[in-house]
Amino acid sequence: MAEINYRAYREYVDSRVEVNNAMMALLAGSRLAAHTLQLTAGSTRTLAEVFPAVEHIGRFNLRSDSARELLHDADQHVSSVAVPYALATHEDFVTATLEFLSDRGRTLDTQGKQIKPWNMHEVLFRTTGYSPPTDWLGLFHVLRETRNCIIHSGGAADSKLDEVIASMSDEARAGWRRLCEGAEPESIIERGRLRLSASHVFMAFAVTKGLGREVNASLAAELTRDEWAGLAVDDYALQAGGPRNSSAWRRGVLGFARFNYGPALLGPGEIEKAARAGGHWTASSWK
């Protein structure tokens, strides 16, 4: 689907990519470190003795064989950090989008309930009248309950996680298997505790990316052309380099709107109207 790259969405995408890259770096780094330690197999010295120039290595006061075992099992621990991190970034974006809609005069369809991570997407899609992406939402709710088990139960699985897995649709289950190398959702629990892997990190970022695009599409359908034009002009004005009322500013805002707000199909007349309404263009002529 074509995305409208309005400022808040661009910032969300940038944050998501930054978190994704950081978590991938940790996963790859643990594998690289484990591979490197094969060179020291059989050594009786600690890592601090072998690699004294590495910062903080003294805190990892282990011999290479013990350290290598820990690094091979690092996926579980990195995943326990990455899944909550990915969801927190996404939840902040959805909450901000709901606040934006409220500020724009929309009445949020909360059905009388407080907005929380468990219902925030549903509130947004009801408010905009957008068909909810049930497959992505099914995966999100499993990840959300997984995050809750990590944070509130120290990694022990609870009945809420069991319930949300049991309620998954066929489409959501198929999506889980596709993103988790064929594994069933139930495999995330082993002997009553979470058993996470790198696949769950990849899944968390895929799910939040997919839902972010759906939020973008729902907003694209909800806002009027005048609202999109106003957003585009205000967005450009925050970073415009040329003087206001100049031909350079006019060309710049039109190009900016085409590039970032293309799917909104805004015409030059709509951009001019928004620029004048926002006080960004005060000259009598738009030439």
Protein backbone atom coordinates (compact mmCIF):
# COMPACT_ATOMS: atom_id res chain seq x y z
CA MET A 1 0.00 0.00 0.00
CA ALA A 2 1.18 3.55 -0.72
CA GLU A 3 2.14 5.38 2.46
CA ILE A 4 1.71 9.07 3.23
CA ASN A 5 4.99 10.05 4.83
CA TYR A 6 3.74 12.74 7.17
CA ARG A 7 6.13 13.98 9.83
CA ALA A 8 4.94 11.83 12.75
CA TYR A 9 5.00 8.71 10.57
CA ARG A 10 8.50 9.45 9.29
CA GLU A 11 9.69 9.88 12.86
CA TYR A 12 8.04 6.61 13.83
CA VAL A 13 9.67 4.75 10.94
CA ASP A 14 13.05 6.24 11.82
CA SER A 15 12.67 5.15 15.45
CA ARG A 16 11.56 1.68 14.46
CA VAL A 17 14.52 1.28 12.09
CA GLU A 18 16.93 2.51 14.76
CA VAL A 19 15.62 0.02 17.33
CA ASN A 20 15.60 -2.75 14.74
CA ASN A 21 19.22 -2.08 13.75
CA ALA A 22 20.33 -1.95 17.39
CA MET A 23 18.71 -5.29 18.20
CA MET A 24 20.07 -6.89 15.03
CA ALA A 25 23.51 -5.62 16.01
CA LEU A 26 23.22 -7.34 19.39
CA LEU A 27 22.09 -10.60 17.82
CA ALA A 28 24.84 -10.53 15.22
CA GLY A 29 27.39 -9.38 17.78
CA SER A 30 26.70 -12.32 20.06
CA ARG A 31 27.17 -14.74 17.17
CA LEU A 32 30.35 -13.01 16.02
CA ALA A 33 31.73 -13.07 19.56
CA ALA A 34 30.94 -16.75 19.96
CA HIS A 35 32.62 -17.48 16.63
CA THR A 36 35.70 -15.46 17.61
CA LEU A 37 36.02 -17.31 20.92
CA GLN A 38 36.49 -20.57 19.04
CA LEU A 39 40.03 -19.29 18.46
CA THR A 40 40.66 -19.45 22.22
CA ALA A 41 39.20 -22.92 22.77
CA GLY A 42 41.07 -24.79 25.49
CA SER A 43 42.53 -21.69 27.08
CA THR A 44 42.45 -21.52 30.87
CA ARG A 45 42.73 -17.74 30.92
CA THR A 46 39.80 -15.42 31.43
CA LEU A 47 38.56 -13.11 28.69
CA ALA A 48 39.98 -10.13 30.58
CA GLU A 49 43.42 -11.70 30.29
CA VAL A 50 43.02 -12.60 26.61
CA PHE A 51 41.35 -9.33 25.49
CA PRO A 52 42.52 -6.70 28.00
CA ALA A 53 41.86 -3.78 25.60
CA VAL A 54 38.12 -4.51 25.32
CA GLU A 55 36.08 -2.08 27.43
CA HIS A 56 34.19 -3.65 30.38
CA ILE A 57 35.67 -7.09 29.62
CA GLY A 58 36.70 -7.40 33.25
CA ARG A 59 33.04 -7.60 34.25
CA PHE A 60 32.71 -10.68 32.04
CA ASN A 61 35.11 -12.65 34.22
CA LEU A 62 34.79 -16.02 32.48
CA ARG A 63 36.96 -18.40 30.53
CA SER A 64 36.29 -18.54 26.79
CA ASP A 65 34.46 -21.89 26.87
CA SER A 66 31.94 -20.68 29.47
CA ALA A 67 31.53 -17.35 27.71
CA ARG A 68 30.92 -19.09 24.39
CA GLU A 69 28.09 -21.15 25.89
CA LEU A 70 26.42 -17.99 27.18
CA LEU A 71 26.78 -16.24 23.84
CA HIS A 72 25.27 -19.17 21.96
CA ASP A 73 22.19 -18.81 24.22
CA ALA A 74 22.06 -15.01 23.98
CA ASP A 75 19.05 -15.02 21.64
CA GLN A 76 16.69 -15.68 24.55
CA HIS A 77 17.96 -12.67 26.45
CA VAL A 78 18.22 -10.33 23.46
CA SER A 79 14.66 -11.30 22.49
CA SER A 80 13.45 -10.52 26.00
CA VAL A 81 14.77 -6.99 25.50
CA ALA A 82 13.88 -6.56 21.84
CA VAL A 83 10.21 -7.58 21.94
CA PRO A 84 9.23 -5.04 24.65
CA TYR A 85 11.40 -2.39 22.97
CA ALA A 86 9.75 -2.88 19.58
CA LEU A 87 6.25 -2.85 21.06
CA ALA A 88 6.93 0.25 23.16
CA THR A 89 8.05 2.19 20.07
CA HIS A 90 4.92 1.12 18.20
CA GLU A 91 2.52 1.76 21.08
CA ASP A 92 3.83 5.29 21.44
CA PHE A 93 3.07 5.90 17.76
CA VAL A 94 -0.48 4.53 17.98
CA THR A 95 -1.21 6.52 21.14
CA ALA A 96 0.08 9.69 19.49
CA THR A 97 -2.11 8.98 16.45
CA LEU A 98 -5.18 8.67 18.68
CA GLU A 99 -4.31 11.97 20.35
CA PHE A 100 -3.91 13.54 16.91
CA LEU A 101 -7.36 12.34 15.83
CA SER A 102 -8.89 13.67 19.04
CA ASP A 103 -7.20 17.03 18.53
CA ARG A 104 -8.65 17.07 15.00
CA GLY A 105 -12.16 16.81 16.39
CA ARG A 106 -12.75 13.08 16.05
CA THR A 107 -14.58 11.35 18.86
CA LEU A 108 -12.60 8.26 19.79
CA ASP A 109 -14.75 5.13 19.81
CA THR A 110 -13.49 3.67 23.09
CA GLN A 111 -16.75 1.86 23.95
CA GLY A 112 -16.42 3.38 27.39
CA LYS A 113 -13.08 1.77 28.15
CA GLN A 114 -9.73 3.37 28.95
CA ILE A 115 -7.30 3.23 26.04
CA LYS A 116 -4.56 0.69 26.68
CA PRO A 117 -2.26 -1.42 24.50
CA TRP A 118 -4.84 -4.22 24.47
CA ASN A 119 -7.47 -2.07 22.72
CA MET A 120 -5.65 0.92 21.19
CA HIS A 121 -5.64 -0.42 17.61
CA GLU A 122 -9.29 -1.40 17.81
CA VAL A 123 -10.22 2.07 19.08
CA LEU A 124 -8.29 3.69 16.23
CA PHE A 125 -9.80 1.52 13.51
CA ARG A 126 -13.34 1.91 14.86
CA THR A 127 -12.85 5.67 15.03
CA THR A 128 -11.69 5.87 11.42
CA GLY A 129 -14.10 3.22 10.14
CA TYR A 130 -11.17 1.24 8.79
CA SER A 131 -11.41 -2.53 8.39
CA PRO A 132 -9.13 -3.96 11.11
CA PRO A 133 -6.21 -6.16 9.95
CA THR A 134 -7.18 -9.15 12.08
CA ASP A 135 -4.14 -11.21 11.08
CA TRP A 136 -1.63 -8.57 12.24
CA LEU A 137 -3.70 -7.84 15.34
CA GLY A 138 -3.76 -11.52 16.29
CA LEU A 139 0.02 -11.62 16.19
CA PHE A 140 0.33 -8.32 18.03
CA HIS A 141 -1.79 -9.51 20.94
CA VAL A 142 0.32 -12.65 21.37
CA LEU A 143 3.45 -10.50 21.38
CA ARG A 144 1.80 -8.07 23.79
CA GLU A 145 1.00 -10.83 26.28
CA THR A 146 4.51 -12.20 25.77
CA ARG A 147 5.88 -8.77 26.66
CA ASN A 148 3.69 -8.72 29.78
CA CYS A 149 5.06 -12.10 30.85
CA ILE A 150 8.62 -10.84 30.39
CA ILE A 151 8.03 -7.67 32.39
CA HIS A 152 5.55 -8.76 35.05
CA SER A 153 6.23 -12.49 35.48
CA GLY A 154 9.96 -12.77 34.95
CA GLY A 155 9.47 -14.84 31.81
CA ALA A 156 6.92 -17.26 33.25
CA ALA A 157 3.96 -17.89 30.94
CA ASP A 158 0.53 -17.07 32.31
CA SER A 159 -3.09 -17.90 31.53
CA LYS A 160 -3.62 -14.70 29.52
CA LEU A 161 -0.91 -15.73 27.08
CA ASP A 162 -2.46 -19.20 26.81
CA GLU A 163 -5.86 -17.64 26.12
CA VAL A 164 -4.68 -15.24 23.43
CA ILE A 165 -2.79 -18.03 21.65
CA ALA A 166 -5.86 -20.28 21.78
CA SER A 167 -8.01 -17.50 20.28
CA MET A 168 -5.75 -16.89 17.26
CA SER A 169 -7.44 -17.07 13.87
CA ASP A 170 -6.24 -19.40 11.15
CA GLU A 171 -4.81 -16.38 9.30
CA ALA A 172 -2.88 -15.24 12.37
CA ARG A 173 -1.53 -18.74 12.95
CA ALA A 174 -0.42 -18.97 9.34
CA GLY A 175 1.33 -15.62 9.75
CA TRP A 176 3.07 -16.85 12.88
CA ARG A 177 4.35 -19.95 11.12
CA ARG A 178 5.52 -17.85 8.17
CA LEU A 179 7.46 -15.46 10.41
CA CYS A 180 8.72 -18.09 12.86
CA GLU A 181 10.26 -20.68 10.56
CA GLY A 182 7.25 -22.99 10.62
CA ALA A 183 6.89 -23.14 14.41
CA GLU A 184 3.45 -23.09 16.01
CA PRO A 185 2.56 -20.28 18.43
CA GLU A 186 2.43 -22.73 21.34
CA SER A 187 6.17 -23.35 20.92
CA ILE A 188 6.85 -20.00 22.56
CA ILE A 189 6.09 -21.72 25.88
CA GLU A 190 8.31 -24.49 27.18
CA ARG A 191 7.69 -26.06 30.60
CA GLY A 192 5.69 -23.07 31.73
CA ARG A 193 8.26 -20.47 30.70
CA LEU A 194 8.85 -18.37 27.62
CA ARG A 195 11.35 -19.77 25.16
CA LEU A 196 12.25 -16.93 22.81
CA SER A 197 14.52 -16.92 19.79
CA ALA A 198 15.77 -14.55 17.13
CA SER A 199 12.66 -15.41 15.09
CA HIS A 200 10.52 -13.67 17.68
CA VAL A 201 12.61 -10.53 17.33
CA PHE A 202 12.13 -10.59 13.57
CA MET A 203 8.43 -11.18 14.09
CA ALA A 204 8.02 -8.26 16.50
CA PHE A 205 9.51 -5.85 13.98
CA ALA A 206 7.51 -7.33 11.10
CA VAL A 207 4.24 -7.08 13.03
CA THR A 208 4.79 -3.51 14.17
CA LYS A 209 5.85 -2.52 10.65
CA GLY A 210 2.70 -4.08 9.20
CA LEU A 211 0.42 -2.49 11.77
CA GLY A 212 2.15 0.87 11.33
CA ARG A 213 1.29 0.75 7.63
CA GLU A 214 -2.32 -0.09 8.44
CA VAL A 215 -2.52 2.87 10.82
CA ASN A 216 -1.11 5.04 8.05
CA ALA A 217 -3.75 3.75 5.60
CA SER A 218 -6.57 4.32 8.08
CA LEU A 219 -5.45 7.90 8.62
CA ALA A 220 -5.11 8.43 4.87
CA ALA A 221 -8.76 7.47 4.42
CA GLU A 222 -9.99 9.46 7.42
CA LEU A 223 -8.46 12.92 6.95
CA THR A 224 -9.89 15.35 4.43
CA ARG A 225 -7.86 16.73 1.55
CA ASP A 226 -7.77 20.12 3.28
CA GLU A 227 -6.36 18.48 6.42
CA TRP A 228 -3.67 16.68 4.46
CA ALA A 229 -2.78 19.87 2.61
CA GLY A 230 -2.46 21.72 5.92
CA LEU A 231 -0.24 19.00 7.34
CA ALA A 232 1.97 19.00 4.26
CA VAL A 233 2.43 22.77 4.29
CA ASP A 234 3.09 22.94 8.04
CA ASP A 235 5.52 20.05 7.69
CA TYR A 236 7.43 21.80 4.93
CA ALA A 237 7.44 25.13 6.76
CA LEU A 238 9.31 23.53 9.66
CA GLN A 239 12.27 22.73 7.43
CA ALA A 240 12.00 25.21 4.55
CA GLY A 241 15.26 26.91 3.72
CA GLY A 242 14.08 29.53 1.25
CA PRO A 243 12.43 32.85 2.16
CA ARG A 244 8.66 32.85 2.53
CA ASN A 245 6.63 34.22 -0.44
CA SER A 246 9.48 33.37 -2.80
CA SER A 247 9.26 31.25 -5.94
CA ALA A 248 11.80 28.92 -4.33
CA TRP A 249 9.49 28.37 -1.33
CA ARG A 250 6.52 27.72 -3.62
CA ARG A 251 8.44 25.20 -5.74
CA GLY A 252 9.83 23.62 -2.59
CA VAL A 253 6.47 23.06 -0.92
CA LEU A 254 4.93 21.65 -4.09
CA GLY A 255 7.82 19.22 -4.54
CA PHE A 256 7.79 18.29 -0.86
CA ALA A 257 4.06 17.55 -0.98
CA ARG A 258 4.45 15.38 -4.08
CA PHE A 259 7.31 13.41 -2.55
CA ASN A 260 6.00 12.86 0.98
CA TYR A 261 2.23 13.24 0.57
CA GLY A 262 1.87 11.82 -2.94
CA PRO A 263 -0.92 9.30 -2.15
CA ALA A 264 -3.10 12.20 -0.93
CA LEU A 265 -3.04 13.53 -4.53
CA LEU A 266 -2.91 17.16 -3.47
CA GLY A 267 -3.15 19.75 -6.24
CA PRO A 268 -1.29 23.08 -6.41
CA GLY A 269 -4.50 24.96 -5.60
CA GLU A 270 -4.99 22.96 -2.41
CA ILE A 271 -1.40 23.58 -1.35
CA GLU A 272 -1.78 27.31 -2.00
CA LYS A 273 -5.02 27.42 0.00
CA ALA A 274 -3.35 25.65 2.93
CA ALA A 275 -0.28 27.87 2.77
CA ARG A 276 -2.44 30.99 2.94
CA ALA A 277 -4.68 29.58 5.68
CA GLY A 278 -1.64 28.71 7.77
CA GLY A 279 -0.04 32.10 7.31
CA HIS A 280 2.91 30.63 5.43
CA TRP A 281 2.16 32.55 2.22
CA THR A 282 1.01 36.15 2.39
CA ALA A 283 1.87 37.52 -1.06
CA SER A 284 -1.03 38.37 -3.34
CA SER A 285 0.30 36.19 -6.13
CA TRP A 286 1.15 32.45 -6.03
CA LYS A 287 3.49 32.81 -9.00
